[in-house]
Amino acid sequence: MTETTTEMTREELEAELARRETSEKPAEQADRTTRERSAIKPQDHKPAAAEIQIVEHGGVTFEVTRNVLDDLRTLDMLERGMITSSLRRIVTDKKFEEFLEKNPGANTEAAAALLEAITDKVGAKN
């Protein structure tokens, strides 16, 4: 079996090395930061736009995902009667506090109405 090898002379190697060292970066990459040049990372934790549902209730606009009531912890809270805790989990603490501020006389019925508005919107109502 015959092996074919290509050997470069020292001068050719030095010329190739010099060419590589002096070659300039493309202009578009020179102006970009390392973060901008790095590979795009998947946004696994962001729900797709079609999954987000807008619920307006009590003067507050909530964004909830279509499968918000599929979460086992949330379902467990609801089963135990922990409505306000489950609402905080569904709409975030910040939005729940905004709801309380805009509805100072809110009670259990208000919480149930908010939960019903959410279930109507996400199609989870039986």
N, C-alpha and C. Protein backbone atom coordinates (compact mmCIF):
# COMPACT_ATOMS: atom_id res chain seq x y z
N MET A 1 0.84 -1.17 0.00
CA MET A 1 0.00 0.00 0.00
C MET A 1 0.89 1.23 0.00
N THR A 2 0.58 2.11 -0.88
CA THR A 2 1.41 3.31 -1.03
C THR A 2 0.73 4.48 -0.37
N GLU A 3 1.48 5.18 0.49
CA GLU A 3 0.95 6.36 1.17
C GLU A 3 1.41 7.60 0.45
N THR A 4 0.50 8.50 0.23
CA THR A 4 0.85 9.76 -0.40
C THR A 4 0.87 10.82 0.68
N THR A 5 2.00 11.45 0.85
CA THR A 5 2.10 12.53 1.82
C THR A 5 2.56 13.78 1.12
N THR A 6 2.07 14.88 1.59
CA THR A 6 2.48 16.15 1.05
C THR A 6 3.24 16.86 2.15
N GLU A 7 4.47 17.15 1.88
CA GLU A 7 5.28 17.84 2.86
C GLU A 7 5.49 19.27 2.38
N MET A 8 5.36 20.18 3.31
CA MET A 8 5.61 21.58 2.99
C MET A 8 7.01 21.94 3.47
N THR A 9 7.61 22.78 2.74
CA THR A 9 8.93 23.24 3.16
C THR A 9 8.76 24.20 4.32
N ARG A 10 9.83 24.45 5.02
CA ARG A 10 9.78 25.37 6.15
C ARG A 10 9.31 26.74 5.70
N GLU A 11 9.77 27.19 4.55
CA GLU A 11 9.38 28.50 4.03
C GLU A 11 7.88 28.53 3.75
N GLU A 12 7.33 27.45 3.20
CA GLU A 12 5.91 27.39 2.90
C GLU A 12 5.09 27.40 4.20
N LEU A 13 5.56 26.67 5.21
CA LEU A 13 4.88 26.65 6.50
C LEU A 13 4.88 28.03 7.14
N GLU A 14 6.05 28.71 7.11
CA GLU A 14 6.14 30.04 7.70
C GLU A 14 5.27 31.03 6.94
N ALA A 15 5.21 30.90 5.62
CA ALA A 15 4.37 31.80 4.82
C ALA A 15 2.89 31.57 5.15
N GLU A 16 2.49 30.30 5.28
CA GLU A 16 1.09 30.00 5.63
C GLU A 16 0.75 30.53 7.02
N LEU A 17 1.67 30.36 7.96
CA LEU A 17 1.46 30.86 9.31
C LEU A 17 1.34 32.39 9.31
N ALA A 18 2.19 33.04 8.59
CA ALA A 18 2.14 34.50 8.50
C ALA A 18 0.84 34.96 7.86
N ARG A 19 0.39 34.24 6.83
CA ARG A 19 -0.86 34.60 6.16
C ARG A 19 -2.04 34.49 7.13
N ARG A 20 -2.04 33.42 7.92
CA ARG A 20 -3.13 33.22 8.88
C ARG A 20 -3.10 34.26 9.99
N GLU A 21 -1.92 34.62 10.44
CA GLU A 21 -1.79 35.59 11.52
C GLU A 21 -2.17 37.00 11.07
N THR A 22 -1.93 37.32 9.81
CA THR A 22 -2.19 38.68 9.35
C THR A 22 -3.56 38.83 8.70
N SER A 23 -4.24 37.71 8.47
CA SER A 23 -5.56 37.84 7.84
C SER A 23 -6.49 38.56 8.80
N GLU A 24 -7.23 39.50 8.27
CA GLU A 24 -8.13 40.31 9.10
C GLU A 24 -9.45 39.60 9.30
N LYS A 25 -10.09 39.91 10.43
CA LYS A 25 -11.43 39.39 10.69
C LYS A 25 -12.39 40.08 9.73
N PRO A 26 -13.44 39.39 9.34
CA PRO A 26 -14.45 40.07 8.52
C PRO A 26 -14.98 41.30 9.25
N ALA A 27 -15.24 42.34 8.52
CA ALA A 27 -15.68 43.60 9.12
C ALA A 27 -16.94 43.44 9.96
N GLU A 28 -17.87 42.60 9.52
CA GLU A 28 -19.12 42.44 10.28
C GLU A 28 -18.88 41.78 11.63
N GLN A 29 -17.88 40.91 11.73
CA GLN A 29 -17.61 40.26 13.01
C GLN A 29 -16.76 41.14 13.92
N ALA A 30 -15.94 41.99 13.36
CA ALA A 30 -15.06 42.84 14.16
C ALA A 30 -15.86 43.80 15.03
N ASP A 31 -17.00 44.23 14.54
CA ASP A 31 -17.82 45.20 15.26
C ASP A 31 -18.77 44.56 16.26
N ARG A 32 -18.91 43.24 16.23
CA ARG A 32 -19.86 42.55 17.10
C ARG A 32 -19.17 42.08 18.38
N THR A 33 -19.93 42.06 19.47
CA THR A 33 -19.39 41.58 20.74
C THR A 33 -19.32 40.07 20.72
N THR A 34 -18.64 39.51 21.69
CA THR A 34 -18.53 38.06 21.80
C THR A 34 -19.91 37.44 21.97
N ARG A 35 -20.77 38.08 22.76
CA ARG A 35 -22.12 37.56 22.97
C ARG A 35 -22.89 37.53 21.66
N GLU A 36 -22.74 38.59 20.85
CA GLU A 36 -23.45 38.63 19.58
C GLU A 36 -22.94 37.59 18.59
N ARG A 37 -21.65 37.25 18.69
CA ARG A 37 -21.07 36.27 17.78
C ARG A 37 -21.33 34.84 18.22
N SER A 38 -21.67 34.64 19.49
CA SER A 38 -21.87 33.28 19.98
C SER A 38 -23.15 32.69 19.41
N ALA A 39 -23.23 31.38 19.47
CA ALA A 39 -24.39 30.67 18.93
C ALA A 39 -25.65 31.06 19.68
N ILE A 40 -26.75 31.10 18.98
CA ILE A 40 -28.03 31.43 19.59
C ILE A 40 -28.46 30.27 20.47
N LYS A 41 -28.84 30.59 21.68
CA LYS A 41 -29.27 29.56 22.62
C LYS A 41 -30.79 29.44 22.58
N PRO A 42 -31.30 28.22 22.69
CA PRO A 42 -32.75 28.05 22.63
C PRO A 42 -33.44 28.70 23.82
N GLN A 43 -34.61 29.19 23.59
CA GLN A 43 -35.40 29.84 24.63
C GLN A 43 -36.44 28.85 25.15
N ASP A 44 -35.95 27.77 25.76
CA ASP A 44 -36.82 26.69 26.20
C ASP A 44 -37.88 27.13 27.20
N HIS A 45 -37.58 28.15 27.99
CA HIS A 45 -38.49 28.52 29.06
C HIS A 45 -39.52 29.56 28.66
N LYS A 46 -39.44 30.02 27.43
CA LYS A 46 -40.42 30.99 26.97
C LYS A 46 -41.54 30.27 26.23
N PRO A 47 -42.76 30.50 26.62
CA PRO A 47 -43.86 29.86 25.90
C PRO A 47 -44.02 30.47 24.51
N ALA A 48 -44.46 29.68 23.58
CA ALA A 48 -44.72 30.19 22.24
C ALA A 48 -45.83 31.23 22.31
N ALA A 49 -45.78 32.18 21.39
CA ALA A 49 -46.75 33.27 21.41
C ALA A 49 -48.19 32.75 21.35
N ALA A 50 -48.41 31.66 20.63
CA ALA A 50 -49.77 31.11 20.51
C ALA A 50 -50.25 30.52 21.82
N GLU A 51 -49.35 30.18 22.71
CA GLU A 51 -49.72 29.59 23.99
C GLU A 51 -50.16 30.63 25.01
N ILE A 52 -49.80 31.88 24.80
CA ILE A 52 -50.11 32.94 25.77
C ILE A 52 -51.52 33.46 25.53
N GLN A 53 -52.28 33.52 26.60
CA GLN A 53 -53.65 34.03 26.55
C GLN A 53 -53.72 35.29 27.42
N ILE A 54 -54.44 36.28 26.94
CA ILE A 54 -54.61 37.53 27.68
C ILE A 54 -55.96 37.46 28.39
N VAL A 55 -55.92 37.68 29.70
CA VAL A 55 -57.14 37.68 30.51
C VAL A 55 -57.24 39.05 31.17
N GLU A 56 -58.33 39.75 30.91
CA GLU A 56 -58.57 41.05 31.55
C GLU A 56 -59.67 40.86 32.57
N HIS A 57 -59.32 41.21 33.80
CA HIS A 57 -60.31 41.02 34.87
C HIS A 57 -59.99 41.98 36.01
N GLY A 58 -60.99 42.63 36.53
CA GLY A 58 -60.81 43.53 37.67
C GLY A 58 -59.88 44.68 37.41
N GLY A 59 -59.82 45.15 36.15
CA GLY A 59 -58.97 46.27 35.81
C GLY A 59 -57.51 45.91 35.60
N VAL A 60 -57.20 44.63 35.56
CA VAL A 60 -55.81 44.18 35.39
C VAL A 60 -55.75 43.25 34.18
N THR A 61 -54.68 43.36 33.41
CA THR A 61 -54.46 42.48 32.27
C THR A 61 -53.44 41.42 32.68
N PHE A 62 -53.84 40.17 32.60
CA PHE A 62 -52.99 39.04 32.97
C PHE A 62 -52.58 38.29 31.71
N GLU A 63 -51.36 37.78 31.69
CA GLU A 63 -50.90 36.89 30.62
C GLU A 63 -50.75 35.51 31.23
N VAL A 64 -51.49 34.55 30.71
CA VAL A 64 -51.40 33.18 31.20
C VAL A 64 -51.16 32.25 30.02
N THR A 65 -50.49 31.15 30.28
CA THR A 65 -50.27 30.18 29.21
C THR A 65 -51.48 29.27 29.09
N ARG A 66 -51.67 28.75 27.91
CA ARG A 66 -52.83 27.90 27.63
C ARG A 66 -52.90 26.70 28.57
N ASN A 67 -51.76 26.14 28.94
CA ASN A 67 -51.74 24.94 29.78
C ASN A 67 -51.47 25.26 31.25
N VAL A 68 -51.81 26.46 31.68
CA VAL A 68 -51.51 26.92 33.03
C VAL A 68 -52.11 26.02 34.11
N LEU A 69 -53.25 25.43 33.84
CA LEU A 69 -53.90 24.60 34.85
C LEU A 69 -53.50 23.12 34.76
N ASP A 70 -52.51 22.81 33.94
CA ASP A 70 -52.01 21.44 33.86
C ASP A 70 -50.92 21.17 34.89
N ASP A 71 -50.45 22.21 35.55
CA ASP A 71 -49.39 22.08 36.53
C ASP A 71 -49.91 21.37 37.78
N LEU A 72 -49.25 20.29 38.16
CA LEU A 72 -49.73 19.47 39.27
C LEU A 72 -49.74 20.23 40.60
N ARG A 73 -48.73 21.07 40.85
CA ARG A 73 -48.71 21.84 42.09
C ARG A 73 -49.90 22.80 42.17
N THR A 74 -50.21 23.43 41.05
CA THR A 74 -51.34 24.36 41.02
C THR A 74 -52.65 23.60 41.25
N LEU A 75 -52.79 22.46 40.60
CA LEU A 75 -53.99 21.65 40.79
C LEU A 75 -54.12 21.20 42.24
N ASP A 76 -53.00 20.83 42.85
CA ASP A 76 -53.01 20.41 44.25
C ASP A 76 -53.45 21.56 45.15
N MET A 77 -52.95 22.76 44.88
CA MET A 77 -53.35 23.93 45.68
C MET A 77 -54.85 24.18 45.55
N LEU A 78 -55.35 24.07 44.32
CA LEU A 78 -56.78 24.28 44.11
C LEU A 78 -57.60 23.22 44.83
N GLU A 79 -57.15 21.98 44.78
CA GLU A 79 -57.86 20.89 45.47
C GLU A 79 -57.91 21.13 46.97
N ARG A 80 -56.85 21.70 47.51
CA ARG A 80 -56.79 21.98 48.96
C ARG A 80 -57.51 23.26 49.35
N GLY A 81 -58.07 23.96 48.36
CA GLY A 81 -58.78 25.20 48.65
C GLY A 81 -57.88 26.40 48.80
N MET A 82 -56.65 26.30 48.34
CA MET A 82 -55.68 27.40 48.44
C MET A 82 -55.79 28.27 47.19
N ILE A 83 -56.92 28.93 47.07
CA ILE A 83 -57.21 29.67 45.84
C ILE A 83 -56.24 30.83 45.63
N THR A 84 -56.00 31.62 46.65
CA THR A 84 -55.12 32.78 46.46
C THR A 84 -53.69 32.35 46.16
N SER A 85 -53.22 31.30 46.80
CA SER A 85 -51.87 30.81 46.51
C SER A 85 -51.77 30.29 45.09
N SER A 86 -52.81 29.59 44.64
CA SER A 86 -52.79 29.08 43.27
C SER A 86 -52.87 30.23 42.27
N LEU A 87 -53.65 31.27 42.58
CA LEU A 87 -53.72 32.43 41.70
C LEU A 87 -52.37 33.13 41.60
N ARG A 88 -51.68 33.26 42.71
CA ARG A 88 -50.34 33.86 42.69
C ARG A 88 -49.42 33.03 41.78
N ARG A 89 -49.56 31.74 41.84
CA ARG A 89 -48.73 30.85 41.01
C ARG A 89 -49.10 30.99 39.53
N ILE A 90 -50.38 31.17 39.25
CA ILE A 90 -50.86 31.26 37.87
C ILE A 90 -50.52 32.61 37.23
N VAL A 91 -50.75 33.71 37.96
CA VAL A 91 -50.62 35.04 37.35
C VAL A 91 -49.38 35.81 37.81
N THR A 92 -48.60 35.29 38.68
CA THR A 92 -47.41 35.88 39.31
C THR A 92 -47.81 36.75 40.50
N ASP A 93 -46.92 36.82 41.46
CA ASP A 93 -47.16 37.63 42.67
C ASP A 93 -47.41 39.09 42.32
N LYS A 94 -46.61 39.61 41.38
CA LYS A 94 -46.71 41.02 41.01
C LYS A 94 -48.09 41.36 40.46
N LYS A 95 -48.59 40.55 39.56
CA LYS A 95 -49.90 40.80 38.97
C LYS A 95 -51.01 40.58 39.99
N PHE A 96 -50.84 39.62 40.88
CA PHE A 96 -51.86 39.39 41.90
C PHE A 96 -51.93 40.59 42.85
N GLU A 97 -50.77 41.13 43.22
CA GLU A 97 -50.74 42.33 44.07
C GLU A 97 -51.38 43.51 43.35
N GLU A 98 -51.15 43.64 42.05
CA GLU A 98 -51.78 44.70 41.27
C GLU A 98 -53.30 44.54 41.30
N PHE A 99 -53.77 43.29 41.18
CA PHE A 99 -55.21 43.00 41.26
C PHE A 99 -55.76 43.43 42.62
N LEU A 100 -55.03 43.12 43.70
CA LEU A 100 -55.49 43.50 45.05
C LEU A 100 -55.53 45.01 45.23
N GLU A 101 -54.54 45.71 44.67
CA GLU A 101 -54.50 47.17 44.77
C GLU A 101 -55.66 47.81 44.01
N LYS A 102 -56.00 47.28 42.84
CA LYS A 102 -57.08 47.86 42.04
C LYS A 102 -58.45 47.41 42.53
N ASN A 103 -58.48 46.38 43.36
CA ASN A 103 -59.74 45.86 43.91
C ASN A 103 -59.60 45.72 45.42
N PRO A 104 -59.57 46.85 46.15
CA PRO A 104 -59.29 46.81 47.59
C PRO A 104 -60.31 46.03 48.41
N GLY A 105 -61.52 45.88 47.94
CA GLY A 105 -62.52 45.13 48.69
C GLY A 105 -62.62 43.68 48.22
N ALA A 106 -61.59 43.20 47.51
CA ALA A 106 -61.63 41.84 46.95
C ALA A 106 -61.78 40.81 48.06
N ASN A 107 -62.59 39.80 47.78
CA ASN A 107 -62.82 38.73 48.76
C ASN A 107 -62.73 37.38 48.03
N THR A 108 -63.23 36.34 48.68
CA THR A 108 -63.18 35.01 48.11
C THR A 108 -63.93 34.95 46.78
N GLU A 109 -65.05 35.65 46.70
CA GLU A 109 -65.82 35.67 45.46
C GLU A 109 -65.04 36.31 44.32
N ALA A 110 -64.28 37.36 44.62
CA ALA A 110 -63.46 38.02 43.60
C ALA A 110 -62.36 37.08 43.12
N ALA A 111 -61.76 36.33 44.05
CA ALA A 111 -60.73 35.37 43.68
C ALA A 111 -61.32 34.27 42.81
N ALA A 112 -62.50 33.79 43.17
CA ALA A 112 -63.16 32.74 42.39
C ALA A 112 -63.52 33.27 41.00
N ALA A 113 -63.95 34.53 40.91
CA ALA A 113 -64.30 35.12 39.61
C ALA A 113 -63.05 35.25 38.73
N LEU A 114 -61.93 35.63 39.32
CA LEU A 114 -60.68 35.71 38.57
C LEU A 114 -60.28 34.33 38.06
N LEU A 115 -60.35 33.34 38.93
CA LEU A 115 -60.01 31.98 38.52
C LEU A 115 -60.94 31.50 37.41
N GLU A 116 -62.22 31.83 37.50
CA GLU A 116 -63.17 31.44 36.47
C GLU A 116 -62.86 32.12 35.14
N ALA A 117 -62.47 33.40 35.19
CA ALA A 117 -62.11 34.13 33.97
C ALA A 117 -60.91 33.47 33.30
N ILE A 118 -59.96 33.03 34.12
CA ILE A 118 -58.77 32.37 33.57
C ILE A 118 -59.14 31.03 32.95
N THR A 119 -59.93 30.24 33.66
CA THR A 119 -60.30 28.92 33.12
C THR A 119 -61.15 29.06 31.86
N ASP A 120 -62.00 30.08 31.80
CA ASP A 120 -62.78 30.32 30.57
C ASP A 120 -61.86 30.61 29.40
N LYS A 121 -60.84 31.43 29.64
CA LYS A 121 -59.95 31.86 28.57
C LYS A 121 -59.05 30.73 28.08
N VAL A 122 -58.56 29.90 28.99
CA VAL A 122 -57.64 28.82 28.58
C VAL A 122 -58.37 27.54 28.20
N GLY A 123 -59.69 27.57 28.30
CA GLY A 123 -60.46 26.41 27.86
C GLY A 123 -60.43 25.24 28.81
N ALA A 124 -60.19 25.49 30.09
CA ALA A 124 -60.09 24.41 31.06
C ALA A 124 -61.39 24.21 31.83
N LYS A 125 -62.38 25.03 31.54
CA LYS A 125 -63.62 24.94 32.30
C LYS A 125 -64.40 23.68 31.91
N ASN A 126 -64.91 22.96 32.91
CA ASN A 126 -65.67 21.74 32.64
C ASN A 126 -67.13 22.06 32.42
